[in-house]
Amino acid sequence: MADTISKAVEVVKPVLNATQQRVEDAKDKANWEWVVVPENDLFGKPHKGINHNFQQYAPGRHFLDPVTAEQIRTSVENGLRSEMRVMQPQTDPRYKAIMEKMGRTPATNPNF
């Protein structure tokens, strides 16, 4: 009976899912990351920054927890991708084929 009383009670940590583990890792500043918001967009205009959870991240470097860093990095990448889409020609391939059959050049916007 003395053996059962003297045994230490083992504390079992709960098993965390992936999201809970990321939140736990974010509490430790050793896991934080640097994220860069560009100074200018692809058009050469000053970048307006990124708004995330009612916080403004201006152009420059920011030291953020991994979850927020990933979200800010994704926002910057999505912004760059949308700017690239604006700069790419939007001529329909079928329209190009029809114009080539007729021996004409497709109409394009000379400003791009």
PDB file of N, CA and C in Angstrom:
ATOM      1  N   MET A   1       0.822  -1.182   0.000  1.00  0.00           N
ATOM      2  CA  MET A   1       0.000   0.000   0.000  1.00  0.00           C
ATOM      3  C   MET A   1       0.866   1.244   0.000  1.00  0.00           C
ATOM      4  N   ALA A   2       1.993   1.194   0.660  1.00  0.00           N
ATOM      5  CA  ALA A   2       2.880   2.346   0.688  1.00  0.00           C
ATOM      6  C   ALA A   2       3.437   2.629  -0.702  1.00  0.00           C
ATOM      7  N   ASP A   3       3.578   1.576  -1.510  1.00  0.00           N
ATOM      8  CA  ASP A   3       4.097   1.768  -2.864  1.00  0.00           C
ATOM      9  C   ASP A   3       3.138   2.563  -3.735  1.00  0.00           C
ATOM     10  N   THR A   4       1.874   2.359  -3.602  1.00  0.00           N
ATOM     11  CA  THR A   4       0.907   3.060  -4.444  1.00  0.00           C
ATOM     12  C   THR A   4       0.763   4.522  -4.037  1.00  0.00           C
ATOM     13  N   ILE A   5       0.949   4.834  -2.796  1.00  0.00           N
ATOM     14  CA  ILE A   5       0.816   6.218  -2.332  1.00  0.00           C
ATOM     15  C   ILE A   5       2.042   7.035  -2.719  1.00  0.00           C
ATOM     16  N   SER A   6       3.194   6.435  -2.707  1.00  0.00           N
ATOM     17  CA  SER A   6       4.422   7.176  -2.974  1.00  0.00           C
ATOM     18  C   SER A   6       4.671   7.426  -4.468  1.00  0.00           C
ATOM     19  N   LYS A   7       3.937   6.769  -5.345  1.00  0.00           N
ATOM     20  CA  LYS A   7       4.145   6.992  -6.774  1.00  0.00           C
ATOM     21  C   LYS A   7       3.681   8.396  -7.160  1.00  0.00           C
ATOM     22  N   ALA A   8       4.487   9.032  -7.978  1.00  0.00           N
ATOM     23  CA  ALA A   8       4.142  10.380  -8.439  1.00  0.00           C
ATOM     24  C   ALA A   8       3.061  10.297  -9.507  1.00  0.00           C
ATOM     25  N   VAL A   9       2.228  11.282  -9.491  1.00  0.00           N
ATOM     26  CA  VAL A   9       1.168  11.354 -10.489  1.00  0.00           C
ATOM     27  C   VAL A   9       1.750  11.987 -11.745  1.00  0.00           C
ATOM     28  N   GLU A  10       1.615  11.285 -12.865  1.00  0.00           N
ATOM     29  CA  GLU A  10       2.138  11.810 -14.121  1.00  0.00           C
ATOM     30  C   GLU A  10       1.136  12.771 -14.734  1.00  0.00           C
ATOM     31  N   VAL A  11       1.656  13.934 -15.105  1.00  0.00           N
ATOM     32  CA  VAL A  11       0.816  14.917 -15.769  1.00  0.00           C
ATOM     33  C   VAL A  11       1.002  14.732 -17.268  1.00  0.00           C
ATOM     34  N   VAL A  12      -0.074  14.448 -17.936  1.00  0.00           N
ATOM     35  CA  VAL A  12      -0.025  14.203 -19.371  1.00  0.00           C
ATOM     36  C   VAL A  12      -0.441  15.500 -20.083  1.00  0.00           C
ATOM     37  N   LYS A  13       0.455  15.972 -20.960  1.00  0.00           N
ATOM     38  CA  LYS A  13       0.116  17.165 -21.733  1.00  0.00           C
ATOM     39  C   LYS A  13      -0.901  16.795 -22.794  1.00  0.00           C
ATOM     40  N   PRO A  14      -1.885  17.673 -23.019  1.00  0.00           N
ATOM     41  CA  PRO A  14      -2.869  17.358 -24.056  1.00  0.00           C
ATOM     42  C   PRO A  14      -2.216  17.398 -25.439  1.00  0.00           C
ATOM     43  N   VAL A  15      -2.709  16.575 -26.326  1.00  0.00           N
ATOM     44  CA  VAL A  15      -2.193  16.541 -27.695  1.00  0.00           C
ATOM     45  C   VAL A  15      -2.816  17.715 -28.446  1.00  0.00           C
ATOM     46  N   LEU A  16      -1.958  18.541 -29.044  1.00  0.00           N
ATOM     47  CA  LEU A  16      -2.432  19.727 -29.751  1.00  0.00           C
ATOM     48  C   LEU A  16      -2.557  19.443 -31.236  1.00  0.00           C
ATOM     49  N   ASN A  17      -3.594  20.031 -31.855  1.00  0.00           N
ATOM     50  CA  ASN A  17      -3.680  19.915 -33.305  1.00  0.00           C
ATOM     51  C   ASN A  17      -2.726  20.931 -33.935  1.00  0.00           C
ATOM     52  N   ALA A  18      -2.646  20.972 -35.248  1.00  0.00           N
ATOM     53  CA  ALA A  18      -1.657  21.811 -35.936  1.00  0.00           C
ATOM     54  C   ALA A  18      -1.843  23.292 -35.623  1.00  0.00           C
ATOM     55  N   THR A  19      -3.080  23.751 -35.604  1.00  0.00           N
ATOM     56  CA  THR A  19      -3.346  25.165 -35.334  1.00  0.00           C
ATOM     57  C   THR A  19      -2.983  25.527 -33.901  1.00  0.00           C
ATOM     58  N   GLN A  20      -3.360  24.683 -32.961  1.00  0.00           N
ATOM     59  CA  GLN A  20      -3.028  24.943 -31.559  1.00  0.00           C
ATOM     60  C   GLN A  20      -1.524  24.937 -31.349  1.00  0.00           C
ATOM     61  N   GLN A  21      -0.812  24.054 -32.048  1.00  0.00           N
ATOM     62  CA  GLN A  21       0.645  24.000 -31.928  1.00  0.00           C
ATOM     63  C   GLN A  21       1.275  25.275 -32.476  1.00  0.00           C
ATOM     64  N   ARG A  22       0.744  25.789 -33.588  1.00  0.00           N
ATOM     65  CA  ARG A  22       1.267  27.037 -34.157  1.00  0.00           C
ATOM     66  C   ARG A  22       1.065  28.202 -33.194  1.00  0.00           C
ATOM     67  N   VAL A  23      -0.068  28.228 -32.519  1.00  0.00           N
ATOM     68  CA  VAL A  23      -0.330  29.301 -31.548  1.00  0.00           C
ATOM     69  C   VAL A  23       0.629  29.174 -30.367  1.00  0.00           C
ATOM     70  N   GLU A  24       0.879  27.963 -29.912  1.00  0.00           N
ATOM     71  CA  GLU A  24       1.839  27.747 -28.820  1.00  0.00           C
ATOM     72  C   GLU A  24       3.234  28.183 -29.232  1.00  0.00           C
ATOM     73  N   ASP A  25       3.641  27.828 -30.468  1.00  0.00           N
ATOM     74  CA  ASP A  25       4.969  28.214 -30.963  1.00  0.00           C
ATOM     75  C   ASP A  25       5.095  29.727 -31.092  1.00  0.00           C
ATOM     76  N   ALA A  26       3.993  30.393 -31.373  1.00  0.00           N
ATOM     77  CA  ALA A  26       4.021  31.846 -31.554  1.00  0.00           C
ATOM     78  C   ALA A  26       4.319  32.586 -30.254  1.00  0.00           C
ATOM     79  N   LYS A  27       4.076  31.947 -29.126  1.00  0.00           N
ATOM     80  CA  LYS A  27       4.335  32.600 -27.835  1.00  0.00           C
ATOM     81  C   LYS A  27       5.824  32.753 -27.557  1.00  0.00           C
ATOM     82  N   ASP A  28       6.630  31.880 -28.162  1.00  0.00           N
ATOM     83  CA  ASP A  28       8.076  31.916 -27.956  1.00  0.00           C
ATOM     84  C   ASP A  28       8.714  32.827 -29.013  1.00  0.00           C
ATOM     85  N   LYS A  29       9.365  33.906 -28.570  1.00  0.00           N
ATOM     86  CA  LYS A  29       9.952  34.871 -29.512  1.00  0.00           C
ATOM     87  C   LYS A  29      11.105  34.285 -30.325  1.00  0.00           C
ATOM     88  N   ALA A  30      11.615  33.137 -29.920  1.00  0.00           N
ATOM     89  CA  ALA A  30      12.672  32.498 -30.705  1.00  0.00           C
ATOM     90  C   ALA A  30      12.134  32.010 -32.050  1.00  0.00           C
ATOM     91  N   ASN A  31      10.823  31.817 -32.144  1.00  0.00           N
ATOM     92  CA  ASN A  31      10.201  31.351 -33.381  1.00  0.00           C
ATOM     93  C   ASN A  31       9.718  32.491 -34.276  1.00  0.00           C
ATOM     94  N   TRP A  32       9.818  33.723 -33.813  1.00  0.00           N
ATOM     95  CA  TRP A  32       9.301  34.855 -34.588  1.00  0.00           C
ATOM     96  C   TRP A  32      10.145  35.066 -35.838  1.00  0.00           C
ATOM     97  N   GLU A  33       9.562  35.739 -36.827  1.00  0.00           N
ATOM     98  CA  GLU A  33      10.202  35.898 -38.134  1.00  0.00           C
ATOM     99  C   GLU A  33      10.179  37.362 -38.562  1.00  0.00           C
ATOM    100  N   TRP A  34      11.137  37.707 -39.425  1.00  0.00           N
ATOM    101  CA  TRP A  34      11.149  39.022 -40.044  1.00  0.00           C
ATOM    102  C   TRP A  34      10.336  38.959 -41.334  1.00  0.00           C
ATOM    103  N   VAL A  35       9.476  39.956 -41.526  1.00  0.00           N
ATOM    104  CA  VAL A  35       8.671  40.052 -42.744  1.00  0.00           C
ATOM    105  C   VAL A  35       8.911  41.436 -43.331  1.00  0.00           C
ATOM    106  N   VAL A  36       9.087  41.474 -44.656  1.00  0.00           N
ATOM    107  CA  VAL A  36       9.349  42.738 -45.339  1.00  0.00           C
ATOM    108  C   VAL A  36       8.128  43.135 -46.157  1.00  0.00           C
ATOM    109  N   VAL A  37       7.622  44.344 -45.893  1.00  0.00           N
ATOM    110  CA  VAL A  37       6.594  44.950 -46.734  1.00  0.00           C
ATOM    111  C   VAL A  37       7.345  45.903 -47.659  1.00  0.00           C
ATOM    112  N   PRO A  38       7.181  45.763 -48.989  1.00  0.00           N
ATOM    113  CA  PRO A  38       7.996  46.557 -49.916  1.00  0.00           C
ATOM    114  C   PRO A  38       7.715  48.058 -49.819  1.00  0.00           C
ATOM    115  N   GLU A  39       8.734  48.849 -50.152  1.00  0.00           N
ATOM    116  CA  GLU A  39       8.597  50.314 -50.128  1.00  0.00           C
ATOM    117  C   GLU A  39       7.713  50.808 -51.271  1.00  0.00           C
ATOM    118  N   ASN A  40       7.850  50.165 -52.451  1.00  0.00           N
ATOM    119  CA  ASN A  40       7.097  50.575 -53.634  1.00  0.00           C
ATOM    120  C   ASN A  40       6.381  49.375 -54.233  1.00  0.00           C
ATOM    121  N   ASP A  41       5.265  49.643 -54.921  1.00  0.00           N
ATOM    122  CA  ASP A  41       4.591  48.576 -55.639  1.00  0.00           C
ATOM    123  C   ASP A  41       5.230  48.414 -57.019  1.00  0.00           C
ATOM    124  N   LEU A  42       4.701  47.534 -57.840  1.00  0.00           N
ATOM    125  CA  LEU A  42       5.297  47.278 -59.148  1.00  0.00           C
ATOM    126  C   LEU A  42       5.150  48.453 -60.108  1.00  0.00           C
ATOM    127  N   PHE A  43       4.265  49.385 -59.805  1.00  0.00           N
ATOM    128  CA  PHE A  43       4.071  50.556 -60.651  1.00  0.00           C
ATOM    129  C   PHE A  43       4.980  51.709 -60.239  1.00  0.00           C
ATOM    130  N   GLY A  44       5.784  51.507 -59.198  1.00  0.00           N
ATOM    131  CA  GLY A  44       6.705  52.537 -58.735  1.00  0.00           C
ATOM    132  C   GLY A  44       6.092  53.500 -57.735  1.00  0.00           C
ATOM    133  N   LYS A  45       4.853  53.280 -57.359  1.00  0.00           N
ATOM    134  CA  LYS A  45       4.185  54.149 -56.391  1.00  0.00           C
ATOM    135  C   LYS A  45       4.474  53.644 -54.971  1.00  0.00           C
ATOM    136  N   PRO A  46       4.474  54.535 -53.988  1.00  0.00           N
ATOM    137  CA  PRO A  46       4.714  54.089 -52.609  1.00  0.00           C
ATOM    138  C   PRO A  46       3.666  53.068 -52.164  1.00  0.00           C
ATOM    139  N   HIS A  47       4.130  52.006 -51.539  1.00  0.00           N
ATOM    140  CA  HIS A  47       3.235  50.955 -51.040  1.00  0.00           C
ATOM    141  C   HIS A  47       2.455  51.506 -49.858  1.00  0.00           C
ATOM    142  N   LYS A  48       1.173  51.196 -49.800  1.00  0.00           N
ATOM    143  CA  LYS A  48       0.318  51.720 -48.730  1.00  0.00           C
ATOM    144  C   LYS A  48       0.388  50.895 -47.456  1.00  0.00           C
ATOM    145  N   GLY A  49       1.065  49.770 -47.506  1.00  0.00           N
ATOM    146  CA  GLY A  49       1.165  48.917 -46.328  1.00  0.00           C
ATOM    147  C   GLY A  49       0.080  47.854 -46.330  1.00  0.00           C
ATOM    148  N   ILE A  50       0.064  47.050 -45.280  1.00  0.00           N
ATOM    149  CA  ILE A  50      -0.873  45.940 -45.142  1.00  0.00           C
ATOM    150  C   ILE A  50      -1.683  46.145 -43.868  1.00  0.00           C
ATOM    151  N   ASN A  51      -2.994  46.012 -43.977  1.00  0.00           N
ATOM    152  CA  ASN A  51      -3.867  46.044 -42.804  1.00  0.00           C
ATOM    153  C   ASN A  51      -4.210  44.607 -42.436  1.00  0.00           C
ATOM    154  N   HIS A  52      -4.014  44.270 -41.167  1.00  0.00           N
ATOM    155  CA  HIS A  52      -4.307  42.920 -40.701  1.00  0.00           C
ATOM    156  C   HIS A  52      -4.788  42.999 -39.261  1.00  0.00           C
ATOM    157  N   ASN A  53      -5.999  42.505 -39.021  1.00  0.00           N
ATOM    158  CA  ASN A  53      -6.589  42.514 -37.669  1.00  0.00           C
ATOM    159  C   ASN A  53      -6.515  43.902 -37.028  1.00  0.00           C
ATOM    160  N   PHE A  54      -6.927  44.901 -37.785  1.00  0.00           N
ATOM    161  CA  PHE A  54      -6.983  46.294 -37.333  1.00  0.00           C
ATOM    162  C   PHE A  54      -5.610  46.878 -37.004  1.00  0.00           C
ATOM    163  N   GLN A  55      -4.553  46.268 -37.505  1.00  0.00           N
ATOM    164  CA  GLN A  55      -3.207  46.804 -37.337  1.00  0.00           C
ATOM    165  C   GLN A  55      -2.632  47.119 -38.704  1.00  0.00           C
ATOM    166  N   GLN A  56      -1.940  48.236 -38.796  1.00  0.00           N
ATOM    167  CA  GLN A  56      -1.323  48.660 -40.047  1.00  0.00           C
ATOM    168  C   GLN A  56       0.155  48.286 -40.022  1.00  0.00           C
ATOM    169  N   TYR A  57       0.611  47.583 -41.056  1.00  0.00           N
ATOM    170  CA  TYR A  57       2.019  47.245 -41.210  1.00  0.00           C
ATOM    171  C   TYR A  57       2.546  48.059 -42.382  1.00  0.00           C
ATOM    172  N   ALA A  58       3.249  49.129 -42.066  1.00  0.00           N
ATOM    173  CA  ALA A  58       3.770  50.054 -43.075  1.00  0.00           C
ATOM    174  C   ALA A  58       4.941  49.415 -43.813  1.00  0.00           C
ATOM    175  N   PRO A  59       5.363  49.995 -44.937  1.00  0.00           N
ATOM    176  CA  PRO A  59       6.532  49.465 -45.640  1.00  0.00           C
ATOM    177  C   PRO A  59       7.749  49.407 -44.715  1.00  0.00           C
ATOM    178  N   GLY A  60       8.512  48.336 -44.852  1.00  0.00           N
ATOM    179  CA  GLY A  60       9.693  48.134 -44.014  1.00  0.00           C
ATOM    180  C   GLY A  60       9.706  46.726 -43.444  1.00  0.00           C
ATOM    181  N   ARG A  61      10.584  46.502 -42.464  1.00  0.00           N
ATOM    182  CA  ARG A  61      10.717  45.186 -41.825  1.00  0.00           C
ATOM    183  C   ARG A  61       9.926  45.146 -40.532  1.00  0.00           C
ATOM    184  N   HIS A  62       9.304  43.998 -40.284  1.00  0.00           N
ATOM    185  CA  HIS A  62       8.513  43.806 -39.065  1.00  0.00           C
ATOM    186  C   HIS A  62       8.878  42.452 -38.462  1.00  0.00           C
ATOM    187  N   PHE A  63       9.065  42.411 -37.147  1.00  0.00           N
ATOM    188  CA  PHE A  63       9.384  41.184 -36.416  1.00  0.00           C
ATOM    189  C   PHE A  63       8.079  40.656 -35.832  1.00  0.00           C
ATOM    190  N   LEU A  64       7.568  39.546 -36.411  1.00  0.00           N
ATOM    191  CA  LEU A  64       6.224  39.079 -36.073  1.00  0.00           C
ATOM    192  C   LEU A  64       6.211  37.610 -35.692  1.00  0.00           C
ATOM    193  N   ASP A  65       5.154  37.232 -34.981  1.00  0.00           N
ATOM    194  CA  ASP A  65       4.980  35.817 -34.656  1.00  0.00           C
ATOM    195  C   ASP A  65       4.709  35.049 -35.954  1.00  0.00           C
ATOM    196  N   PRO A  66       4.964  33.737 -35.976  1.00  0.00           N
ATOM    197  CA  PRO A  66       4.878  32.972 -37.225  1.00  0.00           C
ATOM    198  C   PRO A  66       3.509  33.017 -37.904  1.00  0.00           C
ATOM    199  N   VAL A  67       2.437  33.025 -37.133  1.00  0.00           N
ATOM    200  CA  VAL A  67       1.101  33.022 -37.720  1.00  0.00           C
ATOM    201  C   VAL A  67       0.842  34.344 -38.445  1.00  0.00           C
ATOM    202  N   THR A  68       1.108  35.450 -37.771  1.00  0.00           N
ATOM    203  CA  THR A  68       0.900  36.760 -38.381  1.00  0.00           C
ATOM    204  C   THR A  68       1.874  36.968 -39.539  1.00  0.00           C
ATOM    205  N   ALA A  69       3.107  36.506 -39.384  1.00  0.00           N
ATOM    206  CA  ALA A  69       4.105  36.661 -40.444  1.00  0.00           C
ATOM    207  C   ALA A  69       3.649  35.965 -41.717  1.00  0.00           C
ATOM    208  N   GLU A  70       3.109  34.768 -41.584  1.00  0.00           N
ATOM    209  CA  GLU A  70       2.634  34.043 -42.759  1.00  0.00           C
ATOM    210  C   GLU A  70       1.479  34.787 -43.426  1.00  0.00           C
ATOM    211  N   GLN A  71       0.576  35.345 -42.630  1.00  0.00           N
ATOM    212  CA  GLN A  71      -0.571  36.057 -43.188  1.00  0.00           C
ATOM    213  C   GLN A  71      -0.143  37.352 -43.872  1.00  0.00           C
ATOM    214  N   ILE A  72       0.808  38.072 -43.307  1.00  0.00           N
ATOM    215  CA  ILE A  72       1.297  39.309 -43.922  1.00  0.00           C
ATOM    216  C   ILE A  72       2.045  38.970 -45.208  1.00  0.00           C
ATOM    217  N   ARG A  73       2.878  37.934 -45.162  1.00  0.00           N
ATOM    218  CA  ARG A  73       3.620  37.519 -46.352  1.00  0.00           C
ATOM    219  C   ARG A  73       2.651  37.122 -47.470  1.00  0.00           C
ATOM    220  N   THR A  74       1.578  36.415 -47.133  1.00  0.00           N
ATOM    221  CA  THR A  74       0.572  36.024 -48.122  1.00  0.00           C
ATOM    222  C   THR A  74      -0.118  37.246 -48.709  1.00  0.00           C
ATOM    223  N   SER A  75      -0.431  38.239 -47.876  1.00  0.00           N
ATOM    224  CA  SER A  75      -1.068  39.458 -48.370  1.00  0.00           C
ATOM    225  C   SER A  75      -0.160  40.205 -49.339  1.00  0.00           C
ATOM    226  N   VAL A  76       1.121  40.279 -49.026  1.00  0.00           N
ATOM    227  CA  VAL A  76       2.079  40.947 -49.919  1.00  0.00           C
ATOM    228  C   VAL A  76       2.160  40.195 -51.246  1.00  0.00           C
ATOM    229  N   GLU A  77       2.246  38.859 -51.189  1.00  0.00           N
ATOM    230  CA  GLU A  77       2.323  38.053 -52.416  1.00  0.00           C
ATOM    231  C   GLU A  77       1.062  38.202 -53.255  1.00  0.00           C
ATOM    232  N   ASN A  78      -0.108  38.221 -52.614  1.00  0.00           N
ATOM    233  CA  ASN A  78      -1.358  38.392 -53.359  1.00  0.00           C
ATOM    234  C   ASN A  78      -1.414  39.763 -54.021  1.00  0.00           C
ATOM    235  N   GLY A  79      -0.922  40.785 -53.333  1.00  0.00           N
ATOM    236  CA  GLY A  79      -0.887  42.125 -53.917  1.00  0.00           C
ATOM    237  C   GLY A  79       0.015  42.179 -55.131  1.00  0.00           C
ATOM    238  N   LEU A  80       1.197  41.572 -55.028  1.00  0.00           N
ATOM    239  CA  LEU A  80       2.122  41.543 -56.167  1.00  0.00           C
ATOM    240  C   LEU A  80       1.527  40.761 -57.338  1.00  0.00           C
ATOM    241  N   ARG A  81       0.855  39.665 -57.025  1.00  0.00           N
ATOM    242  CA  ARG A  81       0.245  38.856 -58.081  1.00  0.00           C
ATOM    243  C   ARG A  81      -0.849  39.641 -58.801  1.00  0.00           C
ATOM    244  N   SER A  82      -1.652  40.406 -58.055  1.00  0.00           N
ATOM    245  CA  SER A  82      -2.713  41.183 -58.700  1.00  0.00           C
ATOM    246  C   SER A  82      -2.131  42.323 -59.532  1.00  0.00           C
ATOM    247  N   GLU A  83      -1.026  42.922 -59.082  1.00  0.00           N
ATOM    248  CA  GLU A  83      -0.376  43.966 -59.879  1.00  0.00           C
ATOM    249  C   GLU A  83       0.199  43.387 -61.168  1.00  0.00           C
ATOM    250  N   MET A  84       0.769  42.186 -61.087  1.00  0.00           N
ATOM    251  CA  MET A  84       1.286  41.528 -62.282  1.00  0.00           C
ATOM    252  C   MET A  84       0.160  41.233 -63.271  1.00  0.00           C
ATOM    253  N   ARG A  85      -0.994  40.845 -62.750  1.00  0.00           N
ATOM    254  CA  ARG A  85      -2.129  40.532 -63.606  1.00  0.00           C
ATOM    255  C   ARG A  85      -2.567  41.767 -64.380  1.00  0.00           C
ATOM    256  N   VAL A  86      -2.525  42.933 -63.749  1.00  0.00           N
ATOM    257  CA  VAL A  86      -2.902  44.179 -64.419  1.00  0.00           C
ATOM    258  C   VAL A  86      -1.910  44.500 -65.532  1.00  0.00           C
ATOM    259  N   MET A  87      -0.639  44.196 -65.307  1.00  0.00           N
ATOM    260  CA  MET A  87       0.392  44.537 -66.283  1.00  0.00           C
ATOM    261  C   MET A  87       0.459  43.565 -67.455  1.00  0.00           C
ATOM    262  N   GLN A  88      -0.127  42.398 -67.341  1.00  0.00           N
ATOM    263  CA  GLN A  88      -0.051  41.410 -68.417  1.00  0.00           C
ATOM    264  C   GLN A  88      -1.103  41.696 -69.482  1.00  0.00           C
ATOM    265  N   PRO A  89      -0.815  41.368 -70.736  1.00  0.00           N
ATOM    266  CA  PRO A  89      -1.803  41.587 -71.788  1.00  0.00           C
ATOM    267  C   PRO A  89      -3.024  40.700 -71.571  1.00  0.00           C
ATOM    268  N   GLN A  90      -4.171  41.228 -71.893  1.00  0.00           N
ATOM    269  CA  GLN A  90      -5.419  40.505 -71.670  1.00  0.00           C
ATOM    270  C   GLN A  90      -6.105  40.124 -72.980  1.00  0.00           C
ATOM    271  N   THR A  91      -5.350  39.984 -74.061  1.00  0.00           N
ATOM    272  CA  THR A  91      -5.934  39.668 -75.353  1.00  0.00           C
ATOM    273  C   THR A  91      -6.395  38.216 -75.382  1.00  0.00           C
ATOM    274  N   ASP A  92      -7.617  38.022 -75.825  1.00  0.00           N
ATOM    275  CA  ASP A  92      -8.205  36.689 -75.910  1.00  0.00           C
ATOM    276  C   ASP A  92      -7.506  35.893 -77.010  1.00  0.00           C
ATOM    277  N   PRO A  93      -7.065  34.658 -76.732  1.00  0.00           N
ATOM    278  CA  PRO A  93      -6.374  33.860 -77.755  1.00  0.00           C
ATOM    279  C   PRO A  93      -7.234  33.613 -78.999  1.00  0.00           C
ATOM    280  N   ARG A  94      -8.548  33.413 -78.813  1.00  0.00           N
ATOM    281  CA  ARG A  94      -9.420  33.195 -79.975  1.00  0.00           C
ATOM    282  C   ARG A  94      -9.478  34.449 -80.849  1.00  0.00           C
ATOM    283  N   TYR A  95      -9.540  35.611 -80.192  1.00  0.00           N
ATOM    284  CA  TYR A  95      -9.546  36.880 -80.926  1.00  0.00           C
ATOM    285  C   TYR A  95      -8.250  37.035 -81.730  1.00  0.00           C
ATOM    286  N   LYS A  96      -7.122  36.673 -81.115  1.00  0.00           N
ATOM    287  CA  LYS A  96      -5.837  36.737 -81.823  1.00  0.00           C
ATOM    288  C   LYS A  96      -5.845  35.836 -83.053  1.00  0.00           C
ATOM    289  N   ALA A  97      -6.383  34.622 -82.903  1.00  0.00           N
ATOM    290  CA  ALA A  97      -6.419  33.676 -84.018  1.00  0.00           C
ATOM    291  C   ALA A  97      -7.289  34.209 -85.160  1.00  0.00           C
ATOM    292  N   ILE A  98      -8.427  34.783 -84.843  1.00  0.00           N
ATOM    293  CA  ILE A  98      -9.316  35.344 -85.870  1.00  0.00           C
ATOM    294  C   ILE A  98      -8.616  36.476 -86.606  1.00  0.00           C
ATOM    295  N   MET A  99      -7.961  37.360 -85.853  1.00  0.00           N
ATOM    296  CA  MET A  99      -7.282  38.500 -86.475  1.00  0.00           C
ATOM    297  C   MET A  99      -6.120  38.032 -87.361  1.00  0.00           C
ATOM    298  N   GLU A 100      -5.428  36.986 -86.962  1.00  0.00           N
ATOM    299  CA  GLU A 100      -4.331  36.451 -87.773  1.00  0.00           C
ATOM    300  C   GLU A 100      -4.851  35.846 -89.072  1.00  0.00           C
ATOM    301  N   LYS A 101      -6.021  35.173 -89.022  1.00  0.00           N
ATOM    302  CA  LYS A 101      -6.625  34.626 -90.229  1.00  0.00           C
ATOM    303  C   LYS A 101      -6.973  35.745 -91.214  1.00  0.00           C
ATOM    304  N   MET A 102      -7.420  36.881 -90.648  1.00  0.00           N
ATOM    305  CA  MET A 102      -7.813  38.014 -91.494  1.00  0.00           C
ATOM    306  C   MET A 102      -6.590  38.810 -91.966  1.00  0.00           C
ATOM    307  N   GLY A 103      -5.425  38.491 -91.424  1.00  0.00           N
ATOM    308  CA  GLY A 103      -4.212  39.197 -91.816  1.00  0.00           C
ATOM    309  C   GLY A 103      -4.039  40.532 -91.109  1.00  0.00           C
ATOM    310  N   ARG A 104      -4.691  40.703 -90.002  1.00  0.00           N
ATOM    311  CA  ARG A 104      -4.587  41.944 -89.228  1.00  0.00           C
ATOM    312  C   ARG A 104      -3.864  41.681 -87.915  1.00  0.00           C
ATOM    313  N   THR A 105      -3.407  42.769 -87.311  1.00  0.00           N
ATOM    314  CA  THR A 105      -2.822  42.655 -85.978  1.00  0.00           C
ATOM    315  C   THR A 105      -3.901  42.971 -84.953  1.00  0.00           C
ATOM    316  N   PRO A 106      -3.954  42.244 -83.860  1.00  0.00           N
ATOM    317  CA  PRO A 106      -4.977  42.519 -82.841  1.00  0.00           C
ATOM    318  C   PRO A 106      -4.777  43.909 -82.228  1.00  0.00           C
ATOM    319  N   ALA A 107      -5.874  44.543 -81.881  1.00  0.00           N
ATOM    320  CA  ALA A 107      -5.809  45.845 -81.227  1.00  0.00           C
ATOM    321  C   ALA A 107      -5.256  45.665 -79.817  1.00  0.00           C
ATOM    322  N   THR A 108      -4.315  46.488 -79.463  1.00  0.00           N
ATOM    323  CA  THR A 108      -3.723  46.436 -78.135  1.00  0.00           C
ATOM    324  C   THR A 108      -3.684  47.817 -77.539  1.00  0.00           C
ATOM    325  N   ASN A 109      -3.515  47.905 -76.271  1.00  0.00           N
ATOM    326  CA  ASN A 109      -3.403  49.191 -75.591  1.00  0.00           C
ATOM    327  C   ASN A 109      -1.944  49.602 -75.608  1.00  0.00           C
ATOM    328  N   PRO A 110      -1.594  50.711 -76.257  1.00  0.00           N
ATOM    329  CA  PRO A 110      -0.188  51.109 -76.350  1.00  0.00           C
ATOM    330  C   PRO A 110       0.397  51.622 -75.024  1.00  0.00           C
ATOM    331  N   ASN A 111      -0.436  51.815 -74.020  1.00  0.00           N
ATOM    332  CA  ASN A 111       0.041  52.342 -72.738  1.00  0.00           C
ATOM    333  C   ASN A 111       0.698  51.268 -71.878  1.00  0.00           C
ATOM    334  N   PHE A 112       0.562  49.997 -72.251  1.00  0.00           N
ATOM    335  CA  PHE A 112       1.154  48.930 -71.449  1.00  0.00           C
ATOM    336  C   PHE A 112       2.338  48.329 -72.140  1.00  0.00           C
TER     337      PHE A 112
END
